Amino acid sequence: MIATPAWPPQSTPRLFVETPLSEGTAVRIEGGQAHYLGTVMRTKAGDPVKLFDGVSGEWLAVAEHVGKRDLTLVVREQLRAPETVPDLWLVAAPLKKGRIDWLAEKACELGVARLVLAETRRTVVDRVNLDRLRAHMIEAAEQCGRTAVPDLADLAKLSAVLREWDAGRTLYFADETGGEPAFAAMQARKGPAAILIGPEGGFTVEEREAVRAVPGAVGVSLGPRILRADTAAAAAVSVWMAAAGDW
């Protein structure tokens, strides 16, 4: 007996779209995504494509029209319900291009709900290409199967971020001067949380005092080794996810 091929196939391309998705929705694909589907993946009329909009889960669509510069996909059915996103923010000082791109990708892959960029006294980057960072997060979500893309906040001064902080959200900050062991601290506290990672040069004394003054702030240690800022961010998020039972 011949086995029935899986539908849609594992090789089905997967894209994030801004169009709200539901059964019967027609989605027009243009630009780089159209090039990817039409030229790279050689999508033809009738071929399946997986879509997600960051809100409603994952959907199966079928190519209805394939042109030289655009495609029209029609949504057929929902494949997966929206994922449950842990209520964790990552607040990080901007890093140099390449490292900040990596940080954005890993924040998405690890399940962060929101990425906040906070400028500190020792931050060496004063401008950030938010469109590029969002594109990196979208690509990460497409590749790793997420149905949600983290929110991305505008770059702001650390002092402004702290001044507007919600006391109901625990703020874990990687304190190079020492703190509670990260896993124990995160396992002992439940509810909305955020992780604050400073720049490569660390927080100034004044910044550290300002962070500690925030209600709900908890200094944590990420172990005996010195970690680069992007590594510290990925490590701290991983520890929180493990402590929260997400892993």
C-alpha atoms as a PDB file:
ATOM      1  CA  MET A   1       0.000   0.000   0.000  1.00  0.00           C
ATOM      2  CA  ILE A   2       1.422   3.359  -1.045  1.00  0.00           C
ATOM      3  CA  ALA A   3       1.651   5.864   1.816  1.00  0.00           C
ATOM      4  CA  THR A   4      -0.207   9.147   1.345  1.00  0.00           C
ATOM      5  CA  PRO A   5       2.301  12.032   1.180  1.00  0.00           C
ATOM      6  CA  ALA A   6       2.139  14.469   4.088  1.00  0.00           C
ATOM      7  CA  TRP A   7       0.172  17.624   3.337  1.00  0.00           C
ATOM      8  CA  PRO A   8       1.435  20.244   3.419  1.00  0.00           C
ATOM      9  CA  PRO A   9       4.949  18.848   2.803  1.00  0.00           C
ATOM     10  CA  GLN A  10       7.713  19.581   5.299  1.00  0.00           C
ATOM     11  CA  SER A  11       9.426  21.640   2.591  1.00  0.00           C
ATOM     12  CA  THR A  12       6.497  24.074   2.369  1.00  0.00           C
ATOM     13  CA  PRO A  13       7.782  27.681   2.562  1.00  0.00           C
ATOM     14  CA  ARG A  14       6.690  29.699   5.585  1.00  0.00           C
ATOM     15  CA  LEU A  15       6.177  33.483   5.670  1.00  0.00           C
ATOM     16  CA  PHE A  16       5.138  36.242   8.033  1.00  0.00           C
ATOM     17  CA  VAL A  17       2.571  38.655   6.588  1.00  0.00           C
ATOM     18  CA  GLU A  18       1.030  41.857   7.906  1.00  0.00           C
ATOM     19  CA  THR A  19      -2.419  40.919   6.516  1.00  0.00           C
ATOM     20  CA  PRO A  20      -4.806  39.608   9.221  1.00  0.00           C
ATOM     21  CA  LEU A  21      -5.433  35.958   8.371  1.00  0.00           C
ATOM     22  CA  SER A  22      -8.605  33.904   8.361  1.00  0.00           C
ATOM     23  CA  GLU A  23     -10.150  31.239   6.153  1.00  0.00           C
ATOM     24  CA  GLY A  24     -10.720  32.579   2.644  1.00  0.00           C
ATOM     25  CA  THR A  25      -8.456  35.626   2.980  1.00  0.00           C
ATOM     26  CA  ALA A  26      -6.585  36.558  -0.201  1.00  0.00           C
ATOM     27  CA  VAL A  27      -3.024  37.722   0.501  1.00  0.00           C
ATOM     28  CA  ARG A  28      -0.951  39.563  -2.076  1.00  0.00           C
ATOM     29  CA  ILE A  29       2.789  38.926  -1.841  1.00  0.00           C
ATOM     30  CA  GLU A  30       5.228  41.431  -3.351  1.00  0.00           C
ATOM     31  CA  GLY A  31       8.879  42.503  -3.192  1.00  0.00           C
ATOM     32  CA  GLY A  32      11.445  40.272  -1.551  1.00  0.00           C
ATOM     33  CA  GLN A  33       8.887  37.716  -0.419  1.00  0.00           C
ATOM     34  CA  ALA A  34       7.556  37.367  -3.976  1.00  0.00           C
ATOM     35  CA  HIS A  35      11.109  36.856  -5.233  1.00  0.00           C
ATOM     36  CA  TYR A  36      11.685  34.216  -2.570  1.00  0.00           C
ATOM     37  CA  LEU A  37       8.516  32.284  -3.415  1.00  0.00           C
ATOM     38  CA  GLY A  38       8.599  32.687  -7.178  1.00  0.00           C
ATOM     39  CA  THR A  39      12.312  32.558  -7.988  1.00  0.00           C
ATOM     40  CA  VAL A  40      13.966  30.742  -5.078  1.00  0.00           C
ATOM     41  CA  MET A  41      11.205  28.271  -4.164  1.00  0.00           C
ATOM     42  CA  ARG A  42       9.708  28.132  -7.696  1.00  0.00           C
ATOM     43  CA  THR A  43       6.184  28.287  -6.332  1.00  0.00           C
ATOM     44  CA  LYS A  44       3.480  27.485  -8.895  1.00  0.00           C
ATOM     45  CA  ALA A  45      -0.290  27.899  -8.870  1.00  0.00           C
ATOM     46  CA  GLY A  46      -1.755  25.334  -6.499  1.00  0.00           C
ATOM     47  CA  ASP A  47       1.372  25.048  -4.345  1.00  0.00           C
ATOM     48  CA  PRO A  48       1.018  25.373  -0.550  1.00  0.00           C
ATOM     49  CA  VAL A  49       2.529  28.151   1.562  1.00  0.00           C
ATOM     50  CA  LYS A  50       2.380  28.458   5.356  1.00  0.00           C
ATOM     51  CA  LEU A  51       1.523  31.926   6.659  1.00  0.00           C
ATOM     52  CA  PHE A  52       1.370  33.611  10.067  1.00  0.00           C
ATOM     53  CA  ASP A  53       0.460  37.172  11.038  1.00  0.00           C
ATOM     54  CA  GLY A  54       1.843  37.240  14.577  1.00  0.00           C
ATOM     55  CA  VAL A  55      -1.632  37.106  16.112  1.00  0.00           C
ATOM     56  CA  SER A  56      -3.885  34.341  14.802  1.00  0.00           C
ATOM     57  CA  GLY A  57      -1.595  31.311  14.614  1.00  0.00           C
ATOM     58  CA  GLU A  58      -0.389  29.508  11.503  1.00  0.00           C
ATOM     59  CA  TRP A  59      -2.424  29.034   8.326  1.00  0.00           C
ATOM     60  CA  LEU A  60      -2.219  26.977   5.153  1.00  0.00           C
ATOM     61  CA  ALA A  61      -2.570  29.011   1.972  1.00  0.00           C
ATOM     62  CA  VAL A  62      -2.447  27.987  -1.672  1.00  0.00           C
ATOM     63  CA  ALA A  63      -0.959  29.996  -4.527  1.00  0.00           C
ATOM     64  CA  GLU A  64      -3.791  31.134  -6.771  1.00  0.00           C
ATOM     65  CA  HIS A  65      -1.922  33.560  -9.037  1.00  0.00           C
ATOM     66  CA  VAL A  66       1.830  33.608  -9.689  1.00  0.00           C
ATOM     67  CA  GLY A  67       3.140  36.592 -11.625  1.00  0.00           C
ATOM     68  CA  LYS A  68       6.621  37.864 -12.384  1.00  0.00           C
ATOM     69  CA  ARG A  69       6.612  40.339  -9.507  1.00  0.00           C
ATOM     70  CA  ASP A  70       3.766  39.292  -7.234  1.00  0.00           C
ATOM     71  CA  LEU A  71       1.724  36.334  -6.057  1.00  0.00           C
ATOM     72  CA  THR A  72      -1.768  35.928  -4.656  1.00  0.00           C
ATOM     73  CA  LEU A  73      -2.274  33.342  -1.932  1.00  0.00           C
ATOM     74  CA  VAL A  74      -5.674  32.211  -0.652  1.00  0.00           C
ATOM     75  CA  VAL A  75      -5.925  30.997   2.951  1.00  0.00           C
ATOM     76  CA  ARG A  76      -7.524  27.553   3.220  1.00  0.00           C
ATOM     77  CA  GLU A  77      -7.334  26.441   6.866  1.00  0.00           C
ATOM     78  CA  GLN A  78      -5.701  27.026  10.222  1.00  0.00           C
ATOM     79  CA  LEU A  79      -2.812  24.694  10.959  1.00  0.00           C
ATOM     80  CA  ARG A  80      -1.954  25.854  14.482  1.00  0.00           C
ATOM     81  CA  ALA A  81      -3.565  28.059  17.103  1.00  0.00           C
ATOM     82  CA  PRO A  82      -1.668  31.126  18.359  1.00  0.00           C
ATOM     83  CA  GLU A  83       1.229  30.219  20.610  1.00  0.00           C
ATOM     84  CA  THR A  84       1.283  31.103  24.291  1.00  0.00           C
ATOM     85  CA  VAL A  85       3.945  33.793  24.673  1.00  0.00           C
ATOM     86  CA  PRO A  86       5.681  34.001  28.082  1.00  0.00           C
ATOM     87  CA  ASP A  87       5.375  37.508  29.550  1.00  0.00           C
ATOM     88  CA  LEU A  88       9.084  38.262  29.436  1.00  0.00           C
ATOM     89  CA  TRP A  89      10.734  41.422  28.127  1.00  0.00           C
ATOM     90  CA  LEU A  90      14.388  41.818  27.260  1.00  0.00           C
ATOM     91  CA  VAL A  91      15.780  45.294  27.959  1.00  0.00           C
ATOM     92  CA  ALA A  92      19.210  45.626  26.396  1.00  0.00           C
ATOM     93  CA  ALA A  93      21.739  48.321  25.617  1.00  0.00           C
ATOM     94  CA  PRO A  94      22.282  48.639  21.840  1.00  0.00           C
ATOM     95  CA  LEU A  95      25.336  46.832  20.515  1.00  0.00           C
ATOM     96  CA  LYS A  96      27.351  47.136  17.339  1.00  0.00           C
ATOM     97  CA  LYS A  97      25.815  45.905  14.094  1.00  0.00           C
ATOM     98  CA  GLY A  98      26.081  42.162  13.872  1.00  0.00           C
ATOM     99  CA  ARG A  99      25.900  41.606  17.603  1.00  0.00           C
ATOM    100  CA  ILE A 100      22.614  43.488  18.012  1.00  0.00           C
ATOM    101  CA  ASP A 101      21.227  41.583  15.007  1.00  0.00           C
ATOM    102  CA  TRP A 102      22.216  38.304  16.673  1.00  0.00           C
ATOM    103  CA  LEU A 103      20.642  39.419  19.948  1.00  0.00           C
ATOM    104  CA  ALA A 104      17.340  40.254  18.201  1.00  0.00           C
ATOM    105  CA  GLU A 105      17.284  36.888  16.439  1.00  0.00           C
ATOM    106  CA  LYS A 106      17.927  34.933  19.640  1.00  0.00           C
ATOM    107  CA  ALA A 107      15.386  36.960  21.605  1.00  0.00           C
ATOM    108  CA  CYS A 108      12.781  35.851  19.090  1.00  0.00           C
ATOM    109  CA  GLU A 109      13.904  32.239  18.965  1.00  0.00           C
ATOM    110  CA  LEU A 110      13.911  31.957  22.771  1.00  0.00           C
ATOM    111  CA  GLY A 111      10.349  33.287  23.095  1.00  0.00           C
ATOM    112  CA  VAL A 112      10.754  36.860  24.351  1.00  0.00           C
ATOM    113  CA  ALA A 113       7.556  38.908  24.114  1.00  0.00           C
ATOM    114  CA  ARG A 114       9.116  42.373  23.803  1.00  0.00           C
ATOM    115  CA  LEU A 115      12.576  43.779  23.073  1.00  0.00           C
ATOM    116  CA  VAL A 116      13.357  47.182  24.589  1.00  0.00           C
ATOM    117  CA  LEU A 117      16.547  49.002  23.611  1.00  0.00           C
ATOM    118  CA  ALA A 118      17.899  51.220  26.395  1.00  0.00           C
ATOM    119  CA  GLU A 119      20.766  53.670  25.919  1.00  0.00           C
ATOM    120  CA  THR A 120      23.209  53.742  28.839  1.00  0.00           C
ATOM    121  CA  ARG A 121      26.182  55.984  29.678  1.00  0.00           C
ATOM    122  CA  ARG A 122      28.627  53.467  28.186  1.00  0.00           C
ATOM    123  CA  THR A 123      26.567  52.562  25.126  1.00  0.00           C
ATOM    124  CA  VAL A 124      28.742  53.015  22.033  1.00  0.00           C
ATOM    125  CA  VAL A 125      25.824  52.970  19.570  1.00  0.00           C
ATOM    126  CA  ASP A 126      23.499  55.990  19.450  1.00  0.00           C
ATOM    127  CA  ARG A 127      21.354  54.953  16.483  1.00  0.00           C
ATOM    128  CA  VAL A 128      19.623  51.680  15.748  1.00  0.00           C
ATOM    129  CA  ASN A 129      17.988  50.514  12.524  1.00  0.00           C
ATOM    130  CA  LEU A 130      14.716  49.216  13.953  1.00  0.00           C
ATOM    131  CA  ASP A 131      13.448  48.066  10.552  1.00  0.00           C
ATOM    132  CA  ARG A 132      16.509  45.856  10.138  1.00  0.00           C
ATOM    133  CA  LEU A 133      16.136  44.411  13.638  1.00  0.00           C
ATOM    134  CA  ARG A 134      12.462  43.647  13.061  1.00  0.00           C
ATOM    135  CA  ALA A 135      13.353  41.959   9.771  1.00  0.00           C
ATOM    136  CA  HIS A 136      15.860  39.762  11.622  1.00  0.00           C
ATOM    137  CA  MET A 137      13.225  38.798  14.192  1.00  0.00           C
ATOM    138  CA  ILE A 138      10.676  38.018  11.480  1.00  0.00           C
ATOM    139  CA  GLU A 139      13.180  35.807   9.677  1.00  0.00           C
ATOM    140  CA  ALA A 140      13.958  34.021  12.935  1.00  0.00           C
ATOM    141  CA  ALA A 141      10.234  33.440  13.579  1.00  0.00           C
ATOM    142  CA  GLU A 142       9.771  32.099  10.045  1.00  0.00           C
ATOM    143  CA  GLN A 143      12.636  29.653  10.428  1.00  0.00           C
ATOM    144  CA  CYS A 144      12.039  28.415  13.965  1.00  0.00           C
ATOM    145  CA  GLY A 145       8.270  27.940  13.730  1.00  0.00           C
ATOM    146  CA  ARG A 146       7.076  30.744  15.975  1.00  0.00           C
ATOM    147  CA  THR A 147       3.635  32.175  15.282  1.00  0.00           C
ATOM    148  CA  ALA A 148       4.409  35.450  17.098  1.00  0.00           C
ATOM    149  CA  VAL A 149       7.068  38.113  16.575  1.00  0.00           C
ATOM    150  CA  PRO A 150       8.337  40.090  19.599  1.00  0.00           C
ATOM    151  CA  ASP A 151       7.277  43.715  19.935  1.00  0.00           C
ATOM    152  CA  LEU A 152      10.166  46.100  19.323  1.00  0.00           C
ATOM    153  CA  ALA A 153      10.293  49.353  21.286  1.00  0.00           C
ATOM    154  CA  ASP A 154      11.995  52.532  20.113  1.00  0.00           C
ATOM    155  CA  LEU A 155      15.434  53.319  21.496  1.00  0.00           C
ATOM    156  CA  ALA A 156      15.129  55.248  24.770  1.00  0.00           C
ATOM    157  CA  LYS A 157      17.408  56.455  27.548  1.00  0.00           C
ATOM    158  CA  LEU A 158      17.787  53.971  30.389  1.00  0.00           C
ATOM    159  CA  SER A 159      16.671  56.691  32.800  1.00  0.00           C
ATOM    160  CA  ALA A 160      13.391  57.083  30.863  1.00  0.00           C
ATOM    161  CA  VAL A 161      12.794  53.323  30.818  1.00  0.00           C
ATOM    162  CA  LEU A 162      13.326  53.112  34.583  1.00  0.00           C
ATOM    163  CA  ARG A 163      11.217  56.187  35.300  1.00  0.00           C
ATOM    164  CA  GLU A 164       8.183  54.633  33.582  1.00  0.00           C
ATOM    165  CA  TRP A 165       8.706  51.125  34.940  1.00  0.00           C
ATOM    166  CA  ASP A 166       5.631  49.164  36.054  1.00  0.00           C
ATOM    167  CA  ALA A 167       6.256  47.947  39.599  1.00  0.00           C
ATOM    168  CA  GLY A 168       4.223  44.836  38.803  1.00  0.00           C
ATOM    169  CA  ARG A 169       6.921  43.576  36.426  1.00  0.00           C
ATOM    170  CA  THR A 170      10.011  42.115  38.109  1.00  0.00           C
ATOM    171  CA  LEU A 171      13.202  43.596  36.682  1.00  0.00           C
ATOM    172  CA  TYR A 172      16.135  41.179  36.788  1.00  0.00           C
ATOM    173  CA  PHE A 173      19.381  42.903  35.953  1.00  0.00           C
ATOM    174  CA  ALA A 174      22.695  41.243  35.301  1.00  0.00           C
ATOM    175  CA  ASP A 175      24.881  42.890  37.920  1.00  0.00           C
ATOM    176  CA  GLU A 176      28.592  42.331  37.391  1.00  0.00           C
ATOM    177  CA  THR A 177      29.213  43.271  41.043  1.00  0.00           C
ATOM    178  CA  GLY A 178      27.197  40.260  42.156  1.00  0.00           C
ATOM    179  CA  GLY A 179      23.640  39.274  42.938  1.00  0.00           C
ATOM    180  CA  GLU A 180      21.374  36.325  43.611  1.00  0.00           C
ATOM    181  CA  PRO A 181      22.057  33.212  41.519  1.00  0.00           C
ATOM    182  CA  ALA A 182      19.877  33.798  38.464  1.00  0.00           C
ATOM    183  CA  PHE A 183      18.007  30.489  38.391  1.00  0.00           C
ATOM    184  CA  ALA A 184      17.092  30.556  42.083  1.00  0.00           C
ATOM    185  CA  ALA A 185      15.991  34.203  41.899  1.00  0.00           C
ATOM    186  CA  MET A 186      13.834  33.633  38.835  1.00  0.00           C
ATOM    187  CA  GLN A 187      12.326  30.403  40.113  1.00  0.00           C
ATOM    188  CA  ALA A 188      11.282  32.083  43.363  1.00  0.00           C
ATOM    189  CA  ARG A 189       9.313  34.875  41.642  1.00  0.00           C
ATOM    190  CA  LYS A 190       6.369  34.437  39.316  1.00  0.00           C
ATOM    191  CA  GLY A 191       4.489  36.805  37.038  1.00  0.00           C
ATOM    192  CA  PRO A 192       5.490  39.376  34.420  1.00  0.00           C
ATOM    193  CA  ALA A 193       9.225  39.904  34.208  1.00  0.00           C
ATOM    194  CA  ALA A 194      11.995  41.639  32.315  1.00  0.00           C
ATOM    195  CA  ILE A 195      15.734  41.077  32.019  1.00  0.00           C
ATOM    196  CA  LEU A 196      18.057  44.079  31.821  1.00  0.00           C
ATOM    197  CA  ILE A 197      21.448  43.658  30.157  1.00  0.00           C
ATOM    198  CA  GLY A 198      23.956  46.504  30.126  1.00  0.00           C
ATOM    199  CA  PRO A 199      26.547  47.469  27.494  1.00  0.00           C
ATOM    200  CA  GLU A 200      29.927  45.806  27.025  1.00  0.00           C
ATOM    201  CA  GLY A 201      31.453  48.285  29.480  1.00  0.00           C
ATOM    202  CA  GLY A 202      28.852  47.574  32.143  1.00  0.00           C
ATOM    203  CA  PHE A 203      26.613  49.933  34.108  1.00  0.00           C
ATOM    204  CA  THR A 204      28.041  52.992  35.814  1.00  0.00           C
ATOM    205  CA  VAL A 205      27.755  53.223  39.599  1.00  0.00           C
ATOM    206  CA  GLU A 206      24.956  55.787  39.212  1.00  0.00           C
ATOM    207  CA  GLU A 207      23.034  53.577  36.774  1.00  0.00           C
ATOM    208  CA  ARG A 208      23.346  50.566  39.030  1.00  0.00           C
ATOM    209  CA  GLU A 209      21.958  52.575  41.940  1.00  0.00           C
ATOM    210  CA  ALA A 210      19.095  53.835  39.769  1.00  0.00           C
ATOM    211  CA  VAL A 211      18.228  50.291  38.694  1.00  0.00           C
ATOM    212  CA  ARG A 212      18.310  49.001  42.273  1.00  0.00           C
ATOM    213  CA  ALA A 213      15.939  51.798  43.288  1.00  0.00           C
ATOM    214  CA  VAL A 214      13.242  50.503  40.918  1.00  0.00           C
ATOM    215  CA  PRO A 215      10.486  48.646  42.827  1.00  0.00           C
ATOM    216  CA  GLY A 216      10.790  44.971  42.013  1.00  0.00           C
ATOM    217  CA  ALA A 217      14.374  45.172  40.726  1.00  0.00           C
ATOM    218  CA  VAL A 218      16.513  42.122  41.493  1.00  0.00           C
ATOM    219  CA  GLY A 219      20.249  41.933  40.849  1.00  0.00           C
ATOM    220  CA  VAL A 220      21.271  38.512  39.555  1.00  0.00           C
ATOM    221  CA  SER A 221      24.524  36.729  38.817  1.00  0.00           C
ATOM    222  CA  LEU A 222      25.037  34.757  35.615  1.00  0.00           C
ATOM    223  CA  GLY A 223      27.893  32.694  37.005  1.00  0.00           C
ATOM    224  CA  PRO A 224      31.634  33.054  37.570  1.00  0.00           C
ATOM    225  CA  ARG A 225      32.584  33.802  33.969  1.00  0.00           C
ATOM    226  CA  ILE A 226      32.499  37.204  32.292  1.00  0.00           C
ATOM    227  CA  LEU A 227      30.010  37.144  29.423  1.00  0.00           C
ATOM    228  CA  ARG A 228      29.736  39.495  26.491  1.00  0.00           C
ATOM    229  CA  ALA A 229      26.505  41.473  26.457  1.00  0.00           C
ATOM    230  CA  ASP A 230      24.802  39.459  23.705  1.00  0.00           C
ATOM    231  CA  THR A 231      25.827  36.168  25.335  1.00  0.00           C
ATOM    232  CA  ALA A 232      24.561  37.388  28.708  1.00  0.00           C
ATOM    233  CA  ALA A 233      21.203  38.270  27.170  1.00  0.00           C
ATOM    234  CA  ALA A 234      20.722  34.815  25.629  1.00  0.00           C
ATOM    235  CA  ALA A 235      21.915  33.095  28.808  1.00  0.00           C
ATOM    236  CA  ALA A 236      19.629  35.095  31.101  1.00  0.00           C
ATOM    237  CA  VAL A 237      16.568  34.576  28.904  1.00  0.00           C
ATOM    238  CA  SER A 238      17.302  30.840  28.764  1.00  0.00           C
ATOM    239  CA  VAL A 239      17.562  30.660  32.551  1.00  0.00           C
ATOM    240  CA  TRP A 240      14.246  32.501  32.981  1.00  0.00           C
ATOM    241  CA  MET A 241      12.480  30.231  30.504  1.00  0.00           C
ATOM    242  CA  ALA A 242      13.789  27.160  32.353  1.00  0.00           C
ATOM    243  CA  ALA A 243      12.771  28.571  35.741  1.00  0.00           C
ATOM    244  CA  ALA A 244       9.307  29.473  34.419  1.00  0.00           C
ATOM    245  CA  GLY A 245       8.772  25.928  33.144  1.00  0.00           C
ATOM    246  CA  ASP A 246       8.701  26.969  29.495  1.00  0.00           C
ATOM    247  CA  TRP A 247      11.455  24.460  28.678  1.00  0.00           C
END
